[in-house]
Amino acid sequence: MKKITKTIALLTGLFLSSSIFALQGLNVITITTDDPQGYVEWLAESQSVFQAAQGDSMAAQGICSPTAGGEFTNEHYVWTIAPSISAMMSNPNFFTDKNVSNALRKIAKKREVVRRDLMYVIKEAEIDGVGVTSAQYNLTSKTNDVQGYAAALTAMEEAAAANGFDDISVALFGSLAGGDRALTVMASIQAPSSERLGEFFDQRLSSWMSGAVSNFDELRTPVIDFMMQCTTLSVNN
């Protein structure tokens, strides 16, 4: 399915909006629930309420569910892309909005919020259309060379495209307020399906992949990794 042309901005180029530089923001809320299907249905049904309350401070929202890795049983990640960090932090009254409060009460007893993370976008990735599900491998790391790591990820992405994987994209996010993950970065390898992501990892011992990742150990120290299925639930055009 054709992806929406709205993209996440590059840190190295920076996103230019209204003649000022602004980095797009990523808000991630990690929840646990014993009723994942019911939670996803509730979140999808509540999108119109959340969009009305957030307005232009929200560019897109969706949910990711881990298929391997992760920290908590039955955890899911609700993500919201904002057009800028200031937009992401400009709506402190969102949770006290009457309609939002009513929507949250419907799910309060069925889920628990276990962490909240604010991030900013370093390397771009496209936002899928509403209802599109993709597979992702995410790796959170510590690094003293963010720009070098971003460049290495771009080189790996380009090598993948040159070797038959032009449908694989790589994003990079930096922690703005991540608690125990302060000053970390999160790389996200994204594929149209879990099978396609697996085909990409089948190439780990190939000459082109080995060459593309040869300097990764010098650039970053892994903290935690996980695989997910991610679905876009709404896009604010």
Protein backbone atom coordinates (compact mmCIF):
# COMPACT_ATOMS: atom_id res chain seq x y z
CA MET A 1 0.00 0.00 0.00
CA LYS A 2 1.30 3.43 -0.87
CA LYS A 3 2.71 5.29 2.10
CA ILE A 4 1.69 8.81 3.00
CA THR A 5 4.26 11.34 1.85
CA LYS A 6 4.34 13.05 5.23
CA THR A 7 7.74 12.07 6.67
CA ILE A 8 9.59 12.34 9.93
CA ALA A 9 12.29 15.02 9.73
CA LEU A 10 16.05 14.43 9.67
CA LEU A 11 18.13 15.83 12.50
CA THR A 12 21.04 16.46 10.16
CA GLY A 13 18.89 18.53 7.83
CA LEU A 14 16.39 19.57 10.51
CA PHE A 15 12.72 20.11 9.74
CA LEU A 16 12.01 23.64 8.49
CA SER A 17 8.57 24.95 9.48
CA SER A 18 7.37 28.54 9.40
CA SER A 19 10.96 29.68 8.87
CA ILE A 20 12.17 28.14 12.16
CA PHE A 21 14.01 24.88 12.79
CA ALA A 22 11.95 22.31 14.64
CA LEU A 23 12.56 18.67 15.42
CA GLN A 24 9.55 16.39 15.29
CA GLY A 25 8.61 14.76 18.57
CA LEU A 26 7.67 11.18 19.45
CA ASN A 27 5.59 10.49 22.55
CA VAL A 28 5.48 6.82 23.58
CA ILE A 29 3.24 5.48 26.34
CA THR A 30 3.91 1.88 27.38
CA ILE A 31 0.88 0.05 28.76
CA THR A 32 0.13 -3.50 29.88
CA THR A 33 -3.25 -5.17 29.46
CA ASP A 34 -4.82 -8.62 29.73
CA ASP A 35 -7.17 -7.70 26.88
CA PRO A 36 -4.92 -6.53 24.03
CA GLN A 37 -7.59 -6.91 21.36
CA GLY A 38 -10.09 -4.89 23.39
CA TYR A 39 -7.48 -2.22 24.07
CA VAL A 40 -6.60 -1.84 20.39
CA GLU A 41 -10.30 -1.61 19.49
CA TRP A 42 -10.83 1.05 22.18
CA LEU A 43 -7.81 3.06 21.00
CA ALA A 44 -8.98 2.95 17.38
CA GLU A 45 -12.50 4.03 18.34
CA SER A 46 -11.12 6.90 20.44
CA GLN A 47 -8.97 8.46 17.70
CA SER A 48 -11.51 11.13 16.79
CA VAL A 49 -11.68 12.23 20.44
CA PHE A 50 -7.90 12.37 20.79
CA GLN A 51 -7.46 14.22 17.49
CA ALA A 52 -10.03 16.84 18.50
CA ALA A 53 -8.28 17.41 21.83
CA GLN A 54 -4.75 17.50 20.40
CA GLY A 55 -5.44 19.44 17.22
CA ASP A 56 -2.33 20.41 15.26
CA SER A 57 -0.06 19.17 18.06
CA MET A 58 -0.64 15.63 16.75
CA ALA A 59 0.54 14.47 13.31
CA ALA A 60 -0.21 10.75 13.65
CA GLN A 61 -0.93 8.10 16.24
CA GLY A 62 -0.73 4.33 16.36
CA ILE A 63 0.10 1.30 18.46
CA CYS A 64 2.89 -1.27 18.49
CA SER A 65 2.79 -4.72 20.07
CA PRO A 66 6.01 -6.67 20.70
CA THR A 67 6.45 -10.08 19.12
CA ALA A 68 9.80 -10.73 20.83
CA GLY A 69 11.77 -8.98 23.54
CA GLY A 70 10.25 -6.16 25.61
CA GLU A 71 10.23 -5.75 29.37
CA PHE A 72 6.70 -6.45 30.55
CA THR A 73 4.12 -9.17 29.89
CA ASN A 74 1.34 -8.05 27.55
CA GLU A 75 2.92 -4.65 26.95
CA HIS A 76 1.98 -2.35 24.08
CA TYR A 77 3.32 1.00 22.94
CA VAL A 78 0.99 3.85 22.03
CA TRP A 79 2.94 6.32 19.91
CA THR A 80 2.13 9.85 18.84
CA ILE A 81 4.17 11.85 16.31
CA ALA A 82 4.10 15.63 16.81
CA PRO A 83 5.23 18.21 14.20
CA SER A 84 7.74 19.60 16.73
CA ILE A 85 8.98 19.05 20.26
CA SER A 86 7.22 22.24 21.33
CA ALA A 87 3.95 20.93 19.84
CA MET A 88 4.43 17.65 21.70
CA MET A 89 4.78 19.58 24.97
CA SER A 90 2.18 22.28 24.26
CA ASN A 91 -0.98 20.52 25.44
CA PRO A 92 -0.62 19.78 29.19
CA ASN A 93 -4.41 19.79 29.63
CA PHE A 94 -4.98 16.93 27.19
CA PHE A 95 -5.72 14.35 29.89
CA THR A 96 -8.15 16.68 31.68
CA ASP A 97 -10.18 17.35 28.52
CA LYS A 98 -13.74 16.21 29.26
CA ASN A 99 -14.10 13.96 26.24
CA VAL A 100 -10.61 12.49 26.69
CA SER A 101 -11.34 11.80 30.38
CA ASN A 102 -14.57 10.03 29.44
CA ALA A 103 -12.75 7.89 26.90
CA LEU A 104 -9.99 6.99 29.36
CA ARG A 105 -12.49 5.93 32.02
CA LYS A 106 -13.77 3.24 29.66
CA ILE A 107 -10.40 1.52 29.62
CA ALA A 108 -8.91 2.50 33.00
CA LYS A 109 -9.57 -0.87 34.69
CA LYS A 110 -8.26 -2.87 31.75
CA ARG A 111 -4.80 -1.36 31.35
CA GLU A 112 -1.90 0.00 33.36
CA VAL A 113 0.53 2.70 32.22
CA VAL A 114 4.05 1.49 33.07
CA ARG A 115 6.24 4.17 31.46
CA ARG A 116 6.16 7.33 29.38
CA ASP A 117 8.94 8.43 27.04
CA LEU A 118 9.46 11.66 25.10
CA MET A 119 11.77 11.41 22.11
CA TYR A 120 12.84 13.46 19.12
CA VAL A 121 13.46 12.36 15.55
CA ILE A 122 17.05 12.06 14.34
CA LYS A 123 16.69 10.05 11.10
CA GLU A 124 13.53 10.09 9.04
CA ALA A 125 11.02 7.31 8.37
CA GLU A 126 7.74 7.50 6.52
CA ILE A 127 4.41 7.33 8.31
CA ASP A 128 2.21 4.52 7.01
CA GLY A 129 -1.38 5.10 5.97
CA VAL A 130 -4.22 4.57 8.42
CA GLY A 131 -4.79 0.88 9.05
CA VAL A 132 -1.42 -0.23 7.65
CA THR A 133 0.57 -2.64 9.82
CA SER A 134 4.34 -3.00 9.54
CA ALA A 135 7.02 -5.02 11.32
CA GLN A 136 9.83 -3.36 13.24
CA TYR A 137 13.03 -4.25 15.04
CA ASN A 138 13.98 -1.61 17.59
CA LEU A 139 17.33 -1.31 19.36
CA THR A 140 17.91 1.18 22.17
CA SER A 141 21.59 2.02 22.64
CA LYS A 142 24.01 4.40 24.28
CA THR A 143 26.28 6.35 21.95
CA ASN A 144 28.79 9.17 22.09
CA ASP A 145 28.50 9.80 18.35
CA VAL A 146 24.88 10.33 17.37
CA GLN A 147 25.72 11.75 13.96
CA GLY A 148 28.16 8.95 13.21
CA TYR A 149 25.59 6.35 14.21
CA ALA A 150 22.92 8.02 12.07
CA ALA A 151 25.33 8.03 9.11
CA ALA A 152 26.13 4.34 9.66
CA LEU A 153 22.42 3.46 9.73
CA THR A 154 21.90 5.40 6.51
CA ALA A 155 24.79 3.51 4.89
CA MET A 156 23.24 0.18 5.99
CA GLU A 157 19.87 1.25 4.59
CA GLU A 158 21.48 2.18 1.27
CA ALA A 159 23.37 -1.12 1.16
CA ALA A 160 20.13 -2.98 1.83
CA ALA A 161 18.39 -1.15 -1.03
CA ALA A 162 21.26 -2.00 -3.36
CA ASN A 163 20.88 -5.67 -2.46
CA GLY A 164 17.17 -6.14 -3.01
CA PHE A 165 15.77 -4.62 0.17
CA ASP A 166 14.56 -1.22 -0.98
CA ASP A 167 11.39 -1.74 1.09
CA ILE A 168 13.41 -1.69 4.33
CA SER A 169 13.71 1.68 6.08
CA VAL A 170 15.64 2.73 9.17
CA ALA A 171 14.66 5.47 11.63
CA LEU A 172 16.58 6.84 14.59
CA PHE A 173 15.12 8.56 17.64
CA GLY A 174 16.81 10.30 20.57
CA SER A 175 15.61 10.31 24.15
CA LEU A 176 14.35 13.68 25.34
CA ALA A 177 13.05 12.43 28.69
CA GLY A 178 13.42 8.68 29.13
CA GLY A 179 14.17 8.21 32.82
CA ASP A 180 16.50 5.23 33.06
CA ARG A 181 17.13 5.54 29.31
CA ALA A 182 18.33 9.14 29.44
CA LEU A 183 20.66 10.16 26.60
CA THR A 184 19.99 6.95 24.68
CA VAL A 185 18.98 6.56 21.03
CA MET A 186 16.61 4.05 19.46
CA ALA A 187 17.18 2.66 15.96
CA SER A 188 14.12 1.21 14.23
CA ILE A 189 14.40 -1.13 11.24
CA GLN A 190 11.01 -1.20 9.51
CA ALA A 191 9.63 -3.71 7.00
CA PRO A 192 6.25 -4.31 5.32
CA SER A 193 5.79 -7.62 7.18
CA SER A 194 7.40 -9.89 9.78
CA GLU A 195 8.39 -12.30 7.02
CA ARG A 196 10.13 -9.52 5.12
CA LEU A 197 11.91 -8.38 8.29
CA GLY A 198 13.04 -11.98 8.76
CA GLU A 199 14.37 -12.08 5.19
CA PHE A 200 16.40 -8.96 6.00
CA PHE A 201 17.90 -10.64 9.07
CA ASP A 202 18.64 -13.75 7.01
CA GLN A 203 21.30 -11.56 5.37
CA ARG A 204 23.23 -10.93 8.58
CA LEU A 205 26.14 -13.16 7.49
CA SER A 206 26.16 -11.91 3.90
CA SER A 207 29.17 -9.92 2.73
CA TRP A 208 27.14 -6.77 2.11
CA MET A 209 25.45 -6.85 5.53
CA SER A 210 28.69 -7.68 7.36
CA GLY A 211 30.37 -4.74 5.69
CA ALA A 212 27.48 -2.38 6.36
CA VAL A 213 27.42 -3.05 10.13
CA SER A 214 31.15 -3.52 10.67
CA ASN A 215 31.57 -0.31 12.68
CA PHE A 216 28.37 -0.51 14.73
CA ASP A 217 30.11 -1.92 17.82
CA GLU A 218 32.38 1.13 17.86
CA LEU A 219 29.45 3.53 17.61
CA ARG A 220 26.91 2.23 20.10
CA THR A 221 26.39 0.01 23.14
CA PRO A 222 23.07 -1.91 23.09
CA VAL A 223 20.69 -1.51 26.05
CA ILE A 224 17.51 -3.34 25.02
CA ASP A 225 15.96 -4.62 21.80
CA PHE A 226 12.58 -5.96 20.70
CA MET A 227 10.52 -6.81 17.61
CA MET A 228 7.02 -5.40 17.08
CA GLN A 229 3.99 -5.19 14.86
CA CYS A 230 2.96 -1.54 14.47
CA THR A 231 -0.29 -0.12 13.10
CA THR A 232 -1.11 3.50 12.23
CA LEU A 233 -4.51 4.44 13.62
CA SER A 234 -4.85 8.05 12.51
CA VAL A 235 -3.05 10.73 10.52
CA ASN A 236 -3.76 14.44 10.85
CA ASN A 237 -3.63 15.82 7.31
